[in-house]
Amino acid sequence: MGGGNGAKAAQKRERNLKNAAGGAKSQLKTNVKAMNIQCDTCKATFLTTTRENALTEHAVNKHSKTLVQCFPTFQADATAAPAK
């Protein structure tokens, strides 16, 4: 017959449901607050963690402009390791 883990699994599911009863913690509000890089041309917003390459790609592909033209206040993170 089976290994006898059916009761353990049911208990674990019940325990997990009780622990989750506090309500789901959504990351959406936190992400919205962290979107503080904004394109001056189209007003699109990007997360704080967005890399320079992605912003440059946006500027060139969407607006045929440079990074500085679309994101004049953007400062590259000095602590970030250079891409290899």
N, C-alpha and C. Protein backbone atom coordinates (compact mmCIF):
# COMPACT_ATOMS: atom_id res chain seq x y z
N MET A 1 0.83 -1.18 0.00
CA MET A 1 0.00 0.00 0.00
C MET A 1 0.87 1.25 0.00
N GLY A 2 0.24 2.42 0.25
CA GLY A 2 0.96 3.68 0.20
C GLY A 2 1.91 3.86 1.36
N GLY A 3 2.67 4.91 1.31
CA GLY A 3 3.67 5.17 2.33
C GLY A 3 3.11 5.77 3.61
N GLY A 4 1.81 6.08 3.65
CA GLY A 4 1.22 6.63 4.86
C GLY A 4 1.44 8.12 5.04
N ASN A 5 1.77 8.81 3.98
CA ASN A 5 2.03 10.25 4.08
C ASN A 5 0.80 11.10 3.78
N GLY A 6 -0.35 10.45 3.51
CA GLY A 6 -1.56 11.20 3.19
C GLY A 6 -2.01 12.08 4.34
N ALA A 7 -1.98 11.56 5.55
CA ALA A 7 -2.40 12.35 6.72
C ALA A 7 -1.42 13.49 6.98
N LYS A 8 -0.14 13.23 6.79
CA LYS A 8 0.86 14.29 7.00
C LYS A 8 0.65 15.41 5.99
N ALA A 9 0.38 15.03 4.73
CA ALA A 9 0.17 16.04 3.69
C ALA A 9 -1.07 16.87 3.99
N ALA A 10 -2.13 16.22 4.46
CA ALA A 10 -3.35 16.95 4.79
C ALA A 10 -3.11 17.91 5.95
N GLN A 11 -2.36 17.47 6.95
CA GLN A 11 -2.04 18.34 8.08
C GLN A 11 -1.21 19.53 7.63
N LYS A 12 -0.27 19.28 6.74
CA LYS A 12 0.59 20.36 6.26
C LYS A 12 -0.24 21.38 5.47
N ARG A 13 -1.18 20.89 4.64
CA ARG A 13 -2.04 21.81 3.89
C ARG A 13 -2.87 22.66 4.84
N GLU A 14 -3.44 22.04 5.87
CA GLU A 14 -4.23 22.80 6.86
C GLU A 14 -3.37 23.86 7.56
N ARG A 15 -2.17 23.47 7.95
CA ARG A 15 -1.26 24.39 8.64
C ARG A 15 -0.90 25.57 7.72
N ASN A 16 -0.64 25.27 6.47
CA ASN A 16 -0.29 26.32 5.52
C ASN A 16 -1.46 27.27 5.28
N LEU A 17 -2.68 26.72 5.24
CA LEU A 17 -3.85 27.57 5.07
C LEU A 17 -4.03 28.50 6.26
N LYS A 18 -3.80 27.99 7.46
CA LYS A 18 -3.92 28.82 8.67
C LYS A 18 -2.87 29.92 8.66
N ASN A 19 -1.66 29.59 8.25
CA ASN A 19 -0.58 30.58 8.21
C ASN A 19 -0.85 31.64 7.15
N ALA A 20 -1.50 31.26 6.07
CA ALA A 20 -1.78 32.19 4.98
C ALA A 20 -3.03 33.01 5.25
N ALA A 21 -3.76 32.69 6.32
CA ALA A 21 -5.02 33.37 6.61
C ALA A 21 -4.84 34.85 6.90
N GLY A 22 -3.63 35.29 7.18
CA GLY A 22 -3.37 36.70 7.46
C GLY A 22 -3.58 37.59 6.26
N GLY A 23 -3.84 37.00 5.12
CA GLY A 23 -4.06 37.79 3.92
C GLY A 23 -2.83 37.77 3.04
N ALA A 24 -3.08 37.81 1.77
CA ALA A 24 -1.98 37.79 0.80
C ALA A 24 -1.24 39.12 0.86
N LYS A 25 0.05 39.04 0.83
CA LYS A 25 0.89 40.24 0.83
C LYS A 25 1.26 40.53 -0.63
N SER A 26 0.71 41.58 -1.17
CA SER A 26 0.94 41.90 -2.56
C SER A 26 2.20 42.75 -2.72
N GLN A 27 2.93 42.49 -3.77
CA GLN A 27 4.13 43.24 -4.10
C GLN A 27 3.79 44.43 -5.00
N LEU A 28 2.57 44.49 -5.50
CA LEU A 28 2.20 45.50 -6.49
C LEU A 28 2.36 46.93 -5.98
N LYS A 29 1.89 47.21 -4.78
CA LYS A 29 1.99 48.57 -4.24
C LYS A 29 3.44 48.97 -4.04
N THR A 30 4.25 48.03 -3.60
CA THR A 30 5.67 48.31 -3.41
C THR A 30 6.34 48.61 -4.75
N ASN A 31 5.98 47.84 -5.77
CA ASN A 31 6.56 48.06 -7.10
C ASN A 31 6.17 49.42 -7.66
N VAL A 32 4.93 49.82 -7.46
CA VAL A 32 4.48 51.12 -7.96
C VAL A 32 5.28 52.24 -7.30
N LYS A 33 5.52 52.12 -6.01
CA LYS A 33 6.29 53.14 -5.29
C LYS A 33 7.74 53.19 -5.77
N ALA A 34 8.27 52.04 -6.19
CA ALA A 34 9.67 51.96 -6.60
C ALA A 34 9.88 52.40 -8.04
N MET A 35 8.82 52.74 -8.75
CA MET A 35 8.96 53.17 -10.14
C MET A 35 9.21 54.68 -10.17
N ASN A 36 10.46 55.05 -9.92
CA ASN A 36 10.75 56.47 -9.81
C ASN A 36 11.69 56.99 -10.91
N ILE A 37 11.94 56.18 -11.92
CA ILE A 37 12.69 56.66 -13.09
C ILE A 37 11.64 56.92 -14.17
N GLN A 38 11.61 58.16 -14.69
CA GLN A 38 10.58 58.50 -15.66
C GLN A 38 11.20 59.10 -16.92
N CYS A 39 10.70 58.63 -18.05
CA CYS A 39 11.14 59.16 -19.35
C CYS A 39 10.54 60.54 -19.52
N ASP A 40 11.37 61.53 -19.82
CA ASP A 40 10.87 62.89 -20.01
C ASP A 40 10.03 63.03 -21.27
N THR A 41 10.21 62.15 -22.24
CA THR A 41 9.50 62.24 -23.50
C THR A 41 8.09 61.67 -23.41
N CYS A 42 7.96 60.41 -22.97
CA CYS A 42 6.65 59.75 -22.96
C CYS A 42 6.08 59.54 -21.57
N LYS A 43 6.83 59.91 -20.55
CA LYS A 43 6.42 59.79 -19.15
C LYS A 43 6.27 58.35 -18.68
N ALA A 44 6.83 57.38 -19.41
CA ALA A 44 6.83 55.99 -18.96
C ALA A 44 7.70 55.89 -17.72
N THR A 45 7.30 55.04 -16.77
CA THR A 45 8.06 54.90 -15.54
C THR A 45 8.75 53.55 -15.50
N PHE A 46 9.87 53.51 -14.81
CA PHE A 46 10.69 52.31 -14.69
C PHE A 46 11.08 52.13 -13.23
N LEU A 47 11.28 50.88 -12.84
CA LEU A 47 11.71 50.56 -11.48
C LEU A 47 13.08 51.15 -11.19
N THR A 48 13.32 51.43 -9.95
CA THR A 48 14.60 51.96 -9.49
C THR A 48 15.75 51.06 -9.91
N THR A 49 15.50 49.77 -9.98
CA THR A 49 16.55 48.79 -10.29
C THR A 49 16.82 48.64 -11.78
N THR A 50 16.13 49.40 -12.62
CA THR A 50 16.33 49.29 -14.07
C THR A 50 17.75 49.71 -14.43
N ARG A 51 18.38 48.91 -15.24
CA ARG A 51 19.78 49.16 -15.63
C ARG A 51 19.87 50.18 -16.75
N GLU A 52 21.04 50.76 -16.86
CA GLU A 52 21.30 51.78 -17.88
C GLU A 52 21.05 51.25 -19.29
N ASN A 53 21.41 50.00 -19.54
CA ASN A 53 21.22 49.41 -20.87
C ASN A 53 19.75 49.41 -21.28
N ALA A 54 18.87 49.06 -20.36
CA ALA A 54 17.44 49.01 -20.66
C ALA A 54 16.89 50.41 -20.93
N LEU A 55 17.36 51.39 -20.19
CA LEU A 55 16.90 52.76 -20.40
C LEU A 55 17.41 53.32 -21.72
N THR A 56 18.64 52.99 -22.05
CA THR A 56 19.20 53.41 -23.34
C THR A 56 18.42 52.77 -24.48
N GLU A 57 18.10 51.50 -24.33
CA GLU A 57 17.32 50.79 -25.35
C GLU A 57 15.95 51.45 -25.53
N HIS A 58 15.31 51.84 -24.45
CA HIS A 58 14.02 52.53 -24.52
C HIS A 58 14.17 53.84 -25.28
N ALA A 59 15.17 54.63 -24.91
CA ALA A 59 15.37 55.94 -25.54
C ALA A 59 15.60 55.81 -27.04
N VAL A 60 16.44 54.86 -27.44
CA VAL A 60 16.78 54.69 -28.85
C VAL A 60 15.60 54.11 -29.63
N ASN A 61 15.01 53.03 -29.12
CA ASN A 61 13.96 52.33 -29.86
C ASN A 61 12.63 53.08 -29.90
N LYS A 62 12.27 53.73 -28.83
CA LYS A 62 10.98 54.40 -28.77
C LYS A 62 11.03 55.83 -29.30
N HIS A 63 12.14 56.51 -29.08
CA HIS A 63 12.18 57.94 -29.39
C HIS A 63 13.33 58.37 -30.29
N SER A 64 14.21 57.46 -30.66
CA SER A 64 15.40 57.80 -31.44
C SER A 64 16.19 58.92 -30.78
N LYS A 65 16.32 58.81 -29.47
CA LYS A 65 17.05 59.80 -28.67
C LYS A 65 18.12 59.08 -27.86
N THR A 66 18.91 59.87 -27.15
CA THR A 66 19.93 59.29 -26.28
C THR A 66 19.38 59.11 -24.87
N LEU A 67 20.14 58.40 -24.06
CA LEU A 67 19.77 58.19 -22.66
C LEU A 67 19.61 59.53 -21.95
N VAL A 68 20.54 60.44 -22.16
CA VAL A 68 20.52 61.74 -21.46
C VAL A 68 19.32 62.58 -21.89
N GLN A 69 18.90 62.47 -23.15
CA GLN A 69 17.75 63.24 -23.60
C GLN A 69 16.45 62.77 -22.95
N CYS A 70 16.31 61.47 -22.78
CA CYS A 70 15.08 60.92 -22.19
C CYS A 70 15.13 60.86 -20.66
N PHE A 71 16.31 60.64 -20.11
CA PHE A 71 16.45 60.48 -18.66
C PHE A 71 17.58 61.38 -18.15
N PRO A 72 17.38 62.70 -18.16
CA PRO A 72 18.46 63.62 -17.80
C PRO A 72 18.91 63.50 -16.34
N THR A 73 18.07 63.00 -15.47
CA THR A 73 18.44 62.90 -14.06
C THR A 73 18.96 61.53 -13.68
N PHE A 74 19.02 60.60 -14.63
CA PHE A 74 19.45 59.23 -14.32
C PHE A 74 20.92 59.21 -13.94
N GLN A 75 21.20 58.54 -12.82
CA GLN A 75 22.58 58.34 -12.36
C GLN A 75 22.82 56.85 -12.31
N ALA A 76 23.83 56.38 -13.02
CA ALA A 76 24.18 54.96 -12.98
C ALA A 76 24.63 54.63 -11.56
N ASP A 77 24.24 53.47 -11.08
CA ASP A 77 24.60 53.02 -9.74
C ASP A 77 26.10 52.74 -9.70
N ALA A 78 26.82 53.47 -8.90
CA ALA A 78 28.27 53.33 -8.83
C ALA A 78 28.69 52.03 -8.18
N THR A 79 27.80 51.42 -7.41
CA THR A 79 28.15 50.18 -6.72
C THR A 79 27.88 48.96 -7.57
N ALA A 80 27.19 49.13 -8.69
CA ALA A 80 26.87 47.99 -9.55
C ALA A 80 28.12 47.49 -10.23
N ALA A 81 28.23 46.19 -10.31
CA ALA A 81 29.38 45.58 -10.98
C ALA A 81 29.24 45.76 -12.48
N PRO A 82 30.31 46.07 -13.19
CA PRO A 82 30.22 46.23 -14.63
C PRO A 82 29.88 44.90 -15.31
N ALA A 83 29.08 44.99 -16.35
CA ALA A 83 28.68 43.80 -17.09
C ALA A 83 29.86 43.25 -17.87
N LYS A 84 29.95 41.92 -17.90
CA LYS A 84 31.05 41.31 -18.64
C LYS A 84 30.58 40.78 -19.96
